[in-house]
């Protein structure tokens, strides 16, 4: 008698990697790409099923900007795959026309479903866990591509990416990481790409991790391909240092006006020197170990409040 197989949902970084995540975090995360073949084939397929994607695309309430249709980096106008209708005596525009979406797919357009965690509790739960583990904000998207298509031109993203291949196969070409990394996503032409570092094919169950600022080109192969892209955005050094300086400067005197009239250069220079000296004293008084500990604790705590919080649990506590 064949035993029933219990499929456990993805609930952590270790589940995605198919192994303990401690070595990944200490040696790979934020440093270099990593391809793990057959990390967790069944769980990836169960995380976002093709039936669930079809149901989302079949619902007229699925509206832009949740959905984009892309071909060779050119998005099609949403009016080409949406319609208007009257709902409760009010006209709604931008309702999804499933037949038109499928027509575009057959013509070579990749279907992109952004913020898929808003639709699927399985993805939302995994995303919350990853945000807590890694202290970063995040979102997830589904890319469904026809065979032999490239949806986007060479580009580098401004977040840490985990790619989970659900079905079909895609070829990924990776290039030397940008230095410095871009503050926002960057489109690149061939002349702006550094040396190619790796070419690989993602098959169902494979996971690919790309650090922030890693240029890449993606192309589907002989069959339709679906993958989930989870993007995590930790704070930048600029944001951390800006917050630190804001703390040091916040003594009430920062609201005093700076008088800029002509002939006041010498006095302004003296005042600026005094204030800079005060800021330097404040910065030197900061303990890096204590501040680092506080930064991580704050990042994790800010994401912990909403995890597991439901109306059912709140009502149970008060009854």
Protein backbone atom coordinates (compact mmCIF):
# COMPACT_ATOMS: atom_id res chain seq x y z
CA UNK A 1 0.00 0.00 0.00
CA UNK A 2 1.41 3.35 -1.03
CA UNK A 3 1.82 5.82 1.82
CA UNK A 4 0.49 9.34 1.49
CA UNK A 5 3.24 11.92 1.26
CA UNK A 6 2.81 14.95 3.49
CA UNK A 7 4.09 18.14 1.88
CA UNK A 8 5.21 20.68 4.44
CA UNK A 9 4.91 24.34 3.40
CA UNK A 10 7.95 26.52 3.00
CA UNK A 11 8.43 28.38 6.26
CA UNK A 12 12.05 29.50 6.41
CA UNK A 13 15.23 30.25 4.50
CA UNK A 14 16.45 26.72 5.24
CA UNK A 15 13.31 25.33 3.56
CA UNK A 16 14.06 27.32 0.41
CA UNK A 17 17.68 26.24 0.29
CA UNK A 18 16.91 22.63 1.13
CA UNK A 19 19.61 22.72 3.81
CA UNK A 20 20.57 24.56 6.98
CA UNK A 21 20.88 28.27 6.17
CA UNK A 22 23.64 29.19 8.63
CA UNK A 23 26.52 28.67 6.17
CA UNK A 24 24.61 30.52 3.45
CA UNK A 25 24.05 33.53 5.70
CA UNK A 26 27.65 33.66 6.92
CA UNK A 27 29.42 32.99 3.62
CA UNK A 28 27.10 33.73 0.68
CA UNK A 29 24.33 36.20 1.53
CA UNK A 30 25.19 39.68 0.28
CA UNK A 31 28.45 38.40 -1.23
CA UNK A 32 28.05 36.13 -4.26
CA UNK A 33 25.44 34.31 -6.38
CA UNK A 34 24.52 30.73 -5.56
CA UNK A 35 22.70 28.11 -7.66
CA UNK A 36 21.27 25.10 -5.82
CA UNK A 37 19.84 22.46 -8.17
CA UNK A 38 16.86 20.48 -6.89
CA UNK A 39 16.69 22.41 -3.63
CA UNK A 40 13.01 21.67 -3.03
CA UNK A 41 11.04 20.68 -6.12
CA UNK A 42 7.77 19.66 -4.46
CA UNK A 43 7.57 22.63 -2.11
CA UNK A 44 8.23 25.17 -4.86
CA UNK A 45 5.44 23.65 -6.94
CA UNK A 46 3.07 23.78 -3.95
CA UNK A 47 4.05 27.33 -2.97
CA UNK A 48 2.50 28.80 -6.12
CA UNK A 49 0.55 26.28 -8.16
CA UNK A 50 -0.27 26.78 -11.82
CA UNK A 51 -3.97 26.44 -10.94
CA UNK A 52 -3.65 29.34 -8.48
CA UNK A 53 -1.97 31.49 -11.13
CA UNK A 54 -4.74 30.61 -13.59
CA UNK A 55 -7.39 31.55 -11.00
CA UNK A 56 -5.75 34.94 -10.42
CA UNK A 57 -5.56 35.59 -14.17
CA UNK A 58 -9.16 34.45 -14.65
CA UNK A 59 -10.46 36.97 -12.08
CA UNK A 60 -11.48 40.33 -13.56
CA UNK A 61 -10.64 41.94 -10.20
CA UNK A 62 -6.95 41.26 -10.88
CA UNK A 63 -5.96 44.70 -12.12
CA UNK A 64 -2.82 46.62 -13.03
CA UNK A 65 -0.36 47.33 -11.46
CA UNK A 66 -0.58 43.79 -10.03
CA UNK A 67 -0.17 42.48 -13.56
CA UNK A 68 2.23 43.48 -16.32
CA UNK A 69 2.81 42.02 -19.77
CA UNK A 70 6.42 42.35 -20.95
CA UNK A 71 8.31 41.50 -24.13
CA UNK A 72 11.96 42.43 -24.67
CA UNK A 73 11.69 45.07 -21.91
CA UNK A 74 8.70 46.71 -23.55
CA UNK A 75 5.51 46.65 -21.43
CA UNK A 76 2.26 46.61 -23.31
CA UNK A 77 -0.36 49.25 -22.52
CA UNK A 78 -2.79 47.84 -19.90
CA UNK A 79 -5.66 49.00 -22.11
CA UNK A 80 -4.64 46.20 -24.50
CA UNK A 81 -5.64 43.49 -22.01
CA UNK A 82 -8.28 45.11 -19.76
CA UNK A 83 -11.88 46.26 -20.05
CA UNK A 84 -14.37 48.51 -18.28
CA UNK A 85 -17.59 47.43 -16.59
CA UNK A 86 -20.26 48.72 -14.26
CA UNK A 87 -20.15 47.36 -10.72
CA UNK A 88 -22.76 48.49 -8.17
CA UNK A 89 -23.74 51.29 -10.57
CA UNK A 90 -20.16 52.54 -10.76
CA UNK A 91 -17.86 52.20 -13.74
CA UNK A 92 -14.61 50.37 -13.10
CA UNK A 93 -11.72 50.55 -15.53
CA UNK A 94 -8.76 48.22 -15.84
CA UNK A 95 -10.56 44.91 -15.23
CA UNK A 96 -8.55 41.96 -16.49
CA UNK A 97 -9.59 40.24 -19.72
CA UNK A 98 -8.31 36.69 -19.40
CA UNK A 99 -8.64 35.90 -23.11
CA UNK A 100 -6.57 38.93 -24.07
CA UNK A 101 -3.88 38.03 -21.53
CA UNK A 102 -3.62 34.51 -22.97
CA UNK A 103 -3.51 35.94 -26.49
CA UNK A 104 -0.55 38.13 -25.52
CA UNK A 105 1.14 35.15 -23.87
CA UNK A 106 0.88 33.16 -27.11
CA UNK A 107 2.37 36.15 -28.94
CA UNK A 108 5.47 36.01 -26.75
CA UNK A 109 4.63 38.27 -23.81
CA UNK A 110 5.74 37.32 -20.31
CA UNK A 111 3.04 37.63 -17.65
CA UNK A 112 4.32 39.27 -14.47
CA UNK A 113 2.21 39.13 -11.31
CA UNK A 114 3.66 41.57 -8.78
CA UNK A 115 3.18 41.42 -4.99
CA UNK A 116 1.77 37.92 -5.31
CA UNK A 117 1.85 37.69 -1.51
CA UNK A 118 -1.28 39.87 -1.51
CA UNK A 119 -3.12 37.00 -3.19
CA UNK A 120 -1.59 33.84 -1.75
CA UNK A 121 -1.30 33.16 2.02
CA UNK A 122 1.45 30.59 1.39
CA UNK A 123 3.68 33.23 -0.17
CA UNK A 124 2.77 35.84 2.43
CA UNK A 125 3.70 33.48 5.27
CA UNK A 126 7.06 32.60 3.69
CA UNK A 127 7.81 36.25 2.97
CA UNK A 128 7.09 37.24 6.58
CA UNK A 129 9.45 34.53 7.80
CA UNK A 130 12.25 35.63 5.48
CA UNK A 131 11.81 39.27 6.49
CA UNK A 132 12.17 38.30 10.15
CA UNK A 133 15.17 36.04 9.54
CA UNK A 134 17.09 38.54 7.43
CA UNK A 135 15.83 41.87 8.77
CA UNK A 136 14.68 43.19 5.41
CA UNK A 137 11.52 44.32 3.69
CA UNK A 138 10.33 42.23 0.79
CA UNK A 139 7.90 41.36 -1.94
CA UNK A 140 7.32 38.44 -4.31
CA UNK A 141 6.45 38.20 -7.99
CA UNK A 142 5.58 35.46 -10.45
CA UNK A 143 7.07 35.43 -13.96
CA UNK A 144 5.31 33.21 -16.51
CA UNK A 145 7.13 33.21 -19.85
CA UNK A 146 6.38 31.61 -23.23
CA UNK A 147 9.10 29.46 -24.83
CA UNK A 148 12.22 31.16 -26.22
CA UNK A 149 11.44 34.63 -24.87
CA UNK A 150 13.42 37.30 -23.04
CA UNK A 151 11.10 39.59 -21.09
CA UNK A 152 13.70 42.07 -19.82
CA UNK A 153 16.91 43.53 -21.14
CA UNK A 154 20.14 43.10 -19.16
CA UNK A 155 19.59 44.68 -15.75
CA UNK A 156 20.63 44.71 -12.10
CA UNK A 157 18.11 44.89 -9.26
CA UNK A 158 18.36 46.88 -6.04
CA UNK A 159 17.46 44.05 -3.70
CA UNK A 160 18.55 40.55 -2.76
CA UNK A 161 16.83 38.02 -5.03
CA UNK A 162 15.77 34.43 -4.43
CA UNK A 163 14.51 32.74 -7.61
CA UNK A 164 12.40 29.59 -7.15
CA UNK A 165 11.79 27.69 -10.39
CA UNK A 166 8.26 26.26 -10.40
CA UNK A 167 7.91 24.76 -13.90
CA UNK A 168 9.72 24.75 -17.21
CA UNK A 169 13.32 25.94 -17.56
CA UNK A 170 15.11 29.26 -17.91
CA UNK A 171 18.64 30.15 -18.90
CA UNK A 172 20.32 32.74 -16.69
CA UNK A 173 23.44 34.64 -17.74
CA UNK A 174 25.16 36.35 -14.79
CA UNK A 175 27.70 39.15 -14.96
CA UNK A 176 30.22 40.69 -12.60
CA UNK A 177 28.50 42.57 -9.78
CA UNK A 178 28.32 46.34 -10.21
CA UNK A 179 30.65 48.43 -8.06
CA UNK A 180 29.21 50.50 -6.54
CA UNK A 181 25.87 48.74 -6.53
CA UNK A 182 22.94 50.82 -7.83
CA UNK A 183 20.61 52.60 -5.43
CA UNK A 184 17.71 51.69 -7.74
CA UNK A 185 17.34 49.01 -10.40
CA UNK A 186 19.55 49.68 -13.42
CA UNK A 187 18.98 48.78 -17.06
CA UNK A 188 22.23 48.04 -18.84
CA UNK A 189 23.38 47.82 -22.44
CA UNK A 190 26.01 45.36 -23.60
CA UNK A 191 28.79 47.95 -23.26
CA UNK A 192 27.92 48.50 -19.58
CA UNK A 193 28.08 44.81 -18.67
CA UNK A 194 31.23 43.49 -17.09
CA UNK A 195 32.61 40.01 -17.69
CA UNK A 196 30.10 37.16 -17.76
CA UNK A 197 30.67 35.10 -14.64
CA UNK A 198 28.25 32.22 -15.12
CA UNK A 199 25.64 30.68 -17.43
CA UNK A 200 23.20 28.25 -15.89
CA UNK A 201 19.78 26.69 -16.44
CA UNK A 202 17.13 26.67 -13.74
CA UNK A 203 14.90 23.59 -13.74
CA UNK A 204 11.88 22.85 -11.53
CA UNK A 205 12.93 22.77 -7.87
CA UNK A 206 16.11 24.80 -8.43
CA UNK A 207 16.84 27.95 -6.44
CA UNK A 208 19.10 30.82 -7.48
CA UNK A 209 20.27 33.57 -5.16
CA UNK A 210 21.56 36.88 -6.58
CA UNK A 211 23.07 39.65 -4.42
CA UNK A 212 21.94 43.25 -4.88
CA UNK A 213 23.46 44.75 -8.05
CA UNK A 214 24.18 41.51 -9.93
CA UNK A 215 23.50 42.04 -13.68
CA UNK A 216 21.63 39.22 -15.35
CA UNK A 217 19.81 38.21 -18.53
CA UNK A 218 17.03 35.60 -18.48
CA UNK A 219 15.59 33.58 -21.37
CA UNK A 220 13.03 30.78 -21.34
CA UNK A 221 13.90 27.61 -23.23
CA UNK A 222 11.79 25.06 -25.13
CA UNK A 223 8.67 25.18 -22.97
CA UNK A 224 6.68 27.74 -20.97
CA UNK A 225 8.45 28.67 -17.74
CA UNK A 226 7.18 29.87 -14.37
CA UNK A 227 9.31 31.08 -11.50
CA UNK A 228 8.76 32.96 -8.26
CA UNK A 229 11.10 35.84 -7.52
CA UNK A 230 11.40 36.93 -3.89
CA UNK A 231 13.11 40.28 -3.46
CA UNK A 232 14.39 41.36 -0.04
CA UNK A 233 15.51 44.93 0.56
CA UNK A 234 17.70 45.54 3.61
CA UNK A 235 18.42 49.18 4.49
CA UNK A 236 21.33 50.81 2.68
CA UNK A 237 24.43 52.22 4.39
CA UNK A 238 23.24 55.67 3.34
CA UNK A 239 19.94 55.13 5.16
CA UNK A 240 21.63 53.72 8.28
CA UNK A 241 24.17 56.56 8.48
CA UNK A 242 21.49 59.15 7.77
CA UNK A 243 19.47 57.83 10.70
CA UNK A 244 22.56 57.85 12.91
CA UNK A 245 23.33 61.46 12.01
CA UNK A 246 19.70 62.41 12.56
CA UNK A 247 19.98 60.99 16.07
CA UNK A 248 23.21 62.87 16.78
CA UNK A 249 21.96 66.18 15.34
CA UNK A 250 18.57 65.98 17.03
CA UNK A 251 19.28 68.37 19.94
CA UNK A 252 16.61 70.96 19.21
CA UNK A 253 19.08 73.38 17.67
CA UNK A 254 18.70 71.89 14.20
CA UNK A 255 15.52 73.95 13.79
CA UNK A 256 17.35 77.27 14.13
CA UNK A 257 17.47 79.20 10.85
CA UNK A 258 20.67 79.52 8.83
CA UNK A 259 21.06 83.17 7.88
CA UNK A 260 22.40 83.33 4.33
CA UNK A 261 22.55 87.05 3.50
CA UNK A 262 25.54 88.53 1.73
CA UNK A 263 28.54 89.50 3.87
CA UNK A 264 27.90 86.82 6.50
CA UNK A 265 30.34 84.23 5.16
CA UNK A 266 32.86 84.48 8.03
CA UNK A 267 30.21 84.18 10.75
CA UNK A 268 28.51 81.32 8.94
CA UNK A 269 31.86 79.52 8.61
CA UNK A 270 32.47 79.82 12.38
CA UNK A 271 29.00 78.52 13.23
CA UNK A 272 29.35 75.66 10.78
CA UNK A 273 32.71 74.71 12.32
CA UNK A 274 31.17 74.67 15.80
CA UNK A 275 28.25 72.52 14.73
CA UNK A 276 30.44 70.07 12.82
CA UNK A 277 32.64 69.67 15.89
CA UNK A 278 29.55 68.96 17.98
CA UNK A 279 28.37 66.35 15.45
CA UNK A 280 31.78 64.69 15.42
CA UNK A 281 31.73 64.48 19.20
CA UNK A 282 28.30 62.85 19.02
CA UNK A 283 29.41 60.36 16.37
CA UNK A 284 32.55 59.43 18.31
CA UNK A 285 30.40 58.77 21.38
CA UNK A 286 28.44 56.09 19.50
CA UNK A 287 29.40 52.52 20.36
CA UNK A 288 29.42 50.54 17.05
CA UNK A 289 28.72 47.16 18.72
CA UNK A 290 25.80 48.57 20.73
CA UNK A 291 24.41 50.49 17.75
CA UNK A 292 24.69 47.45 15.47
CA UNK A 293 22.84 45.32 18.02
CA UNK A 294 20.14 47.98 18.28
CA UNK A 295 19.79 48.22 14.49
CA UNK A 296 19.22 44.48 14.08
CA UNK A 297 16.87 44.26 17.07
CA UNK A 298 14.80 47.17 15.73
CA UNK A 299 14.64 45.67 12.22
CA UNK A 300 13.46 42.31 13.53
CA UNK A 301 11.03 43.75 16.06
CA UNK A 302 9.38 46.00 13.47
CA UNK A 303 8.46 42.88 11.45
CA UNK A 304 7.55 40.65 14.38
CA UNK A 305 4.41 42.53 15.45
CA UNK A 306 2.25 41.50 12.50
CA UNK A 307 3.39 37.87 12.26
CA UNK A 308 0.73 35.47 13.48
CA UNK A 309 -1.67 38.31 14.31
CA UNK A 310 -5.20 37.44 13.16
CA UNK A 311 -8.71 38.42 14.08
CA UNK A 312 -9.33 34.83 15.21
CA UNK A 313 -6.37 34.91 17.60
CA UNK A 314 -7.32 38.32 19.00
CA UNK A 315 -10.93 37.29 19.55
CA UNK A 316 -9.82 34.08 21.24
CA UNK A 317 -7.61 36.03 23.63
CA UNK A 318 -10.48 38.30 24.68
CA UNK A 319 -13.10 35.57 25.14
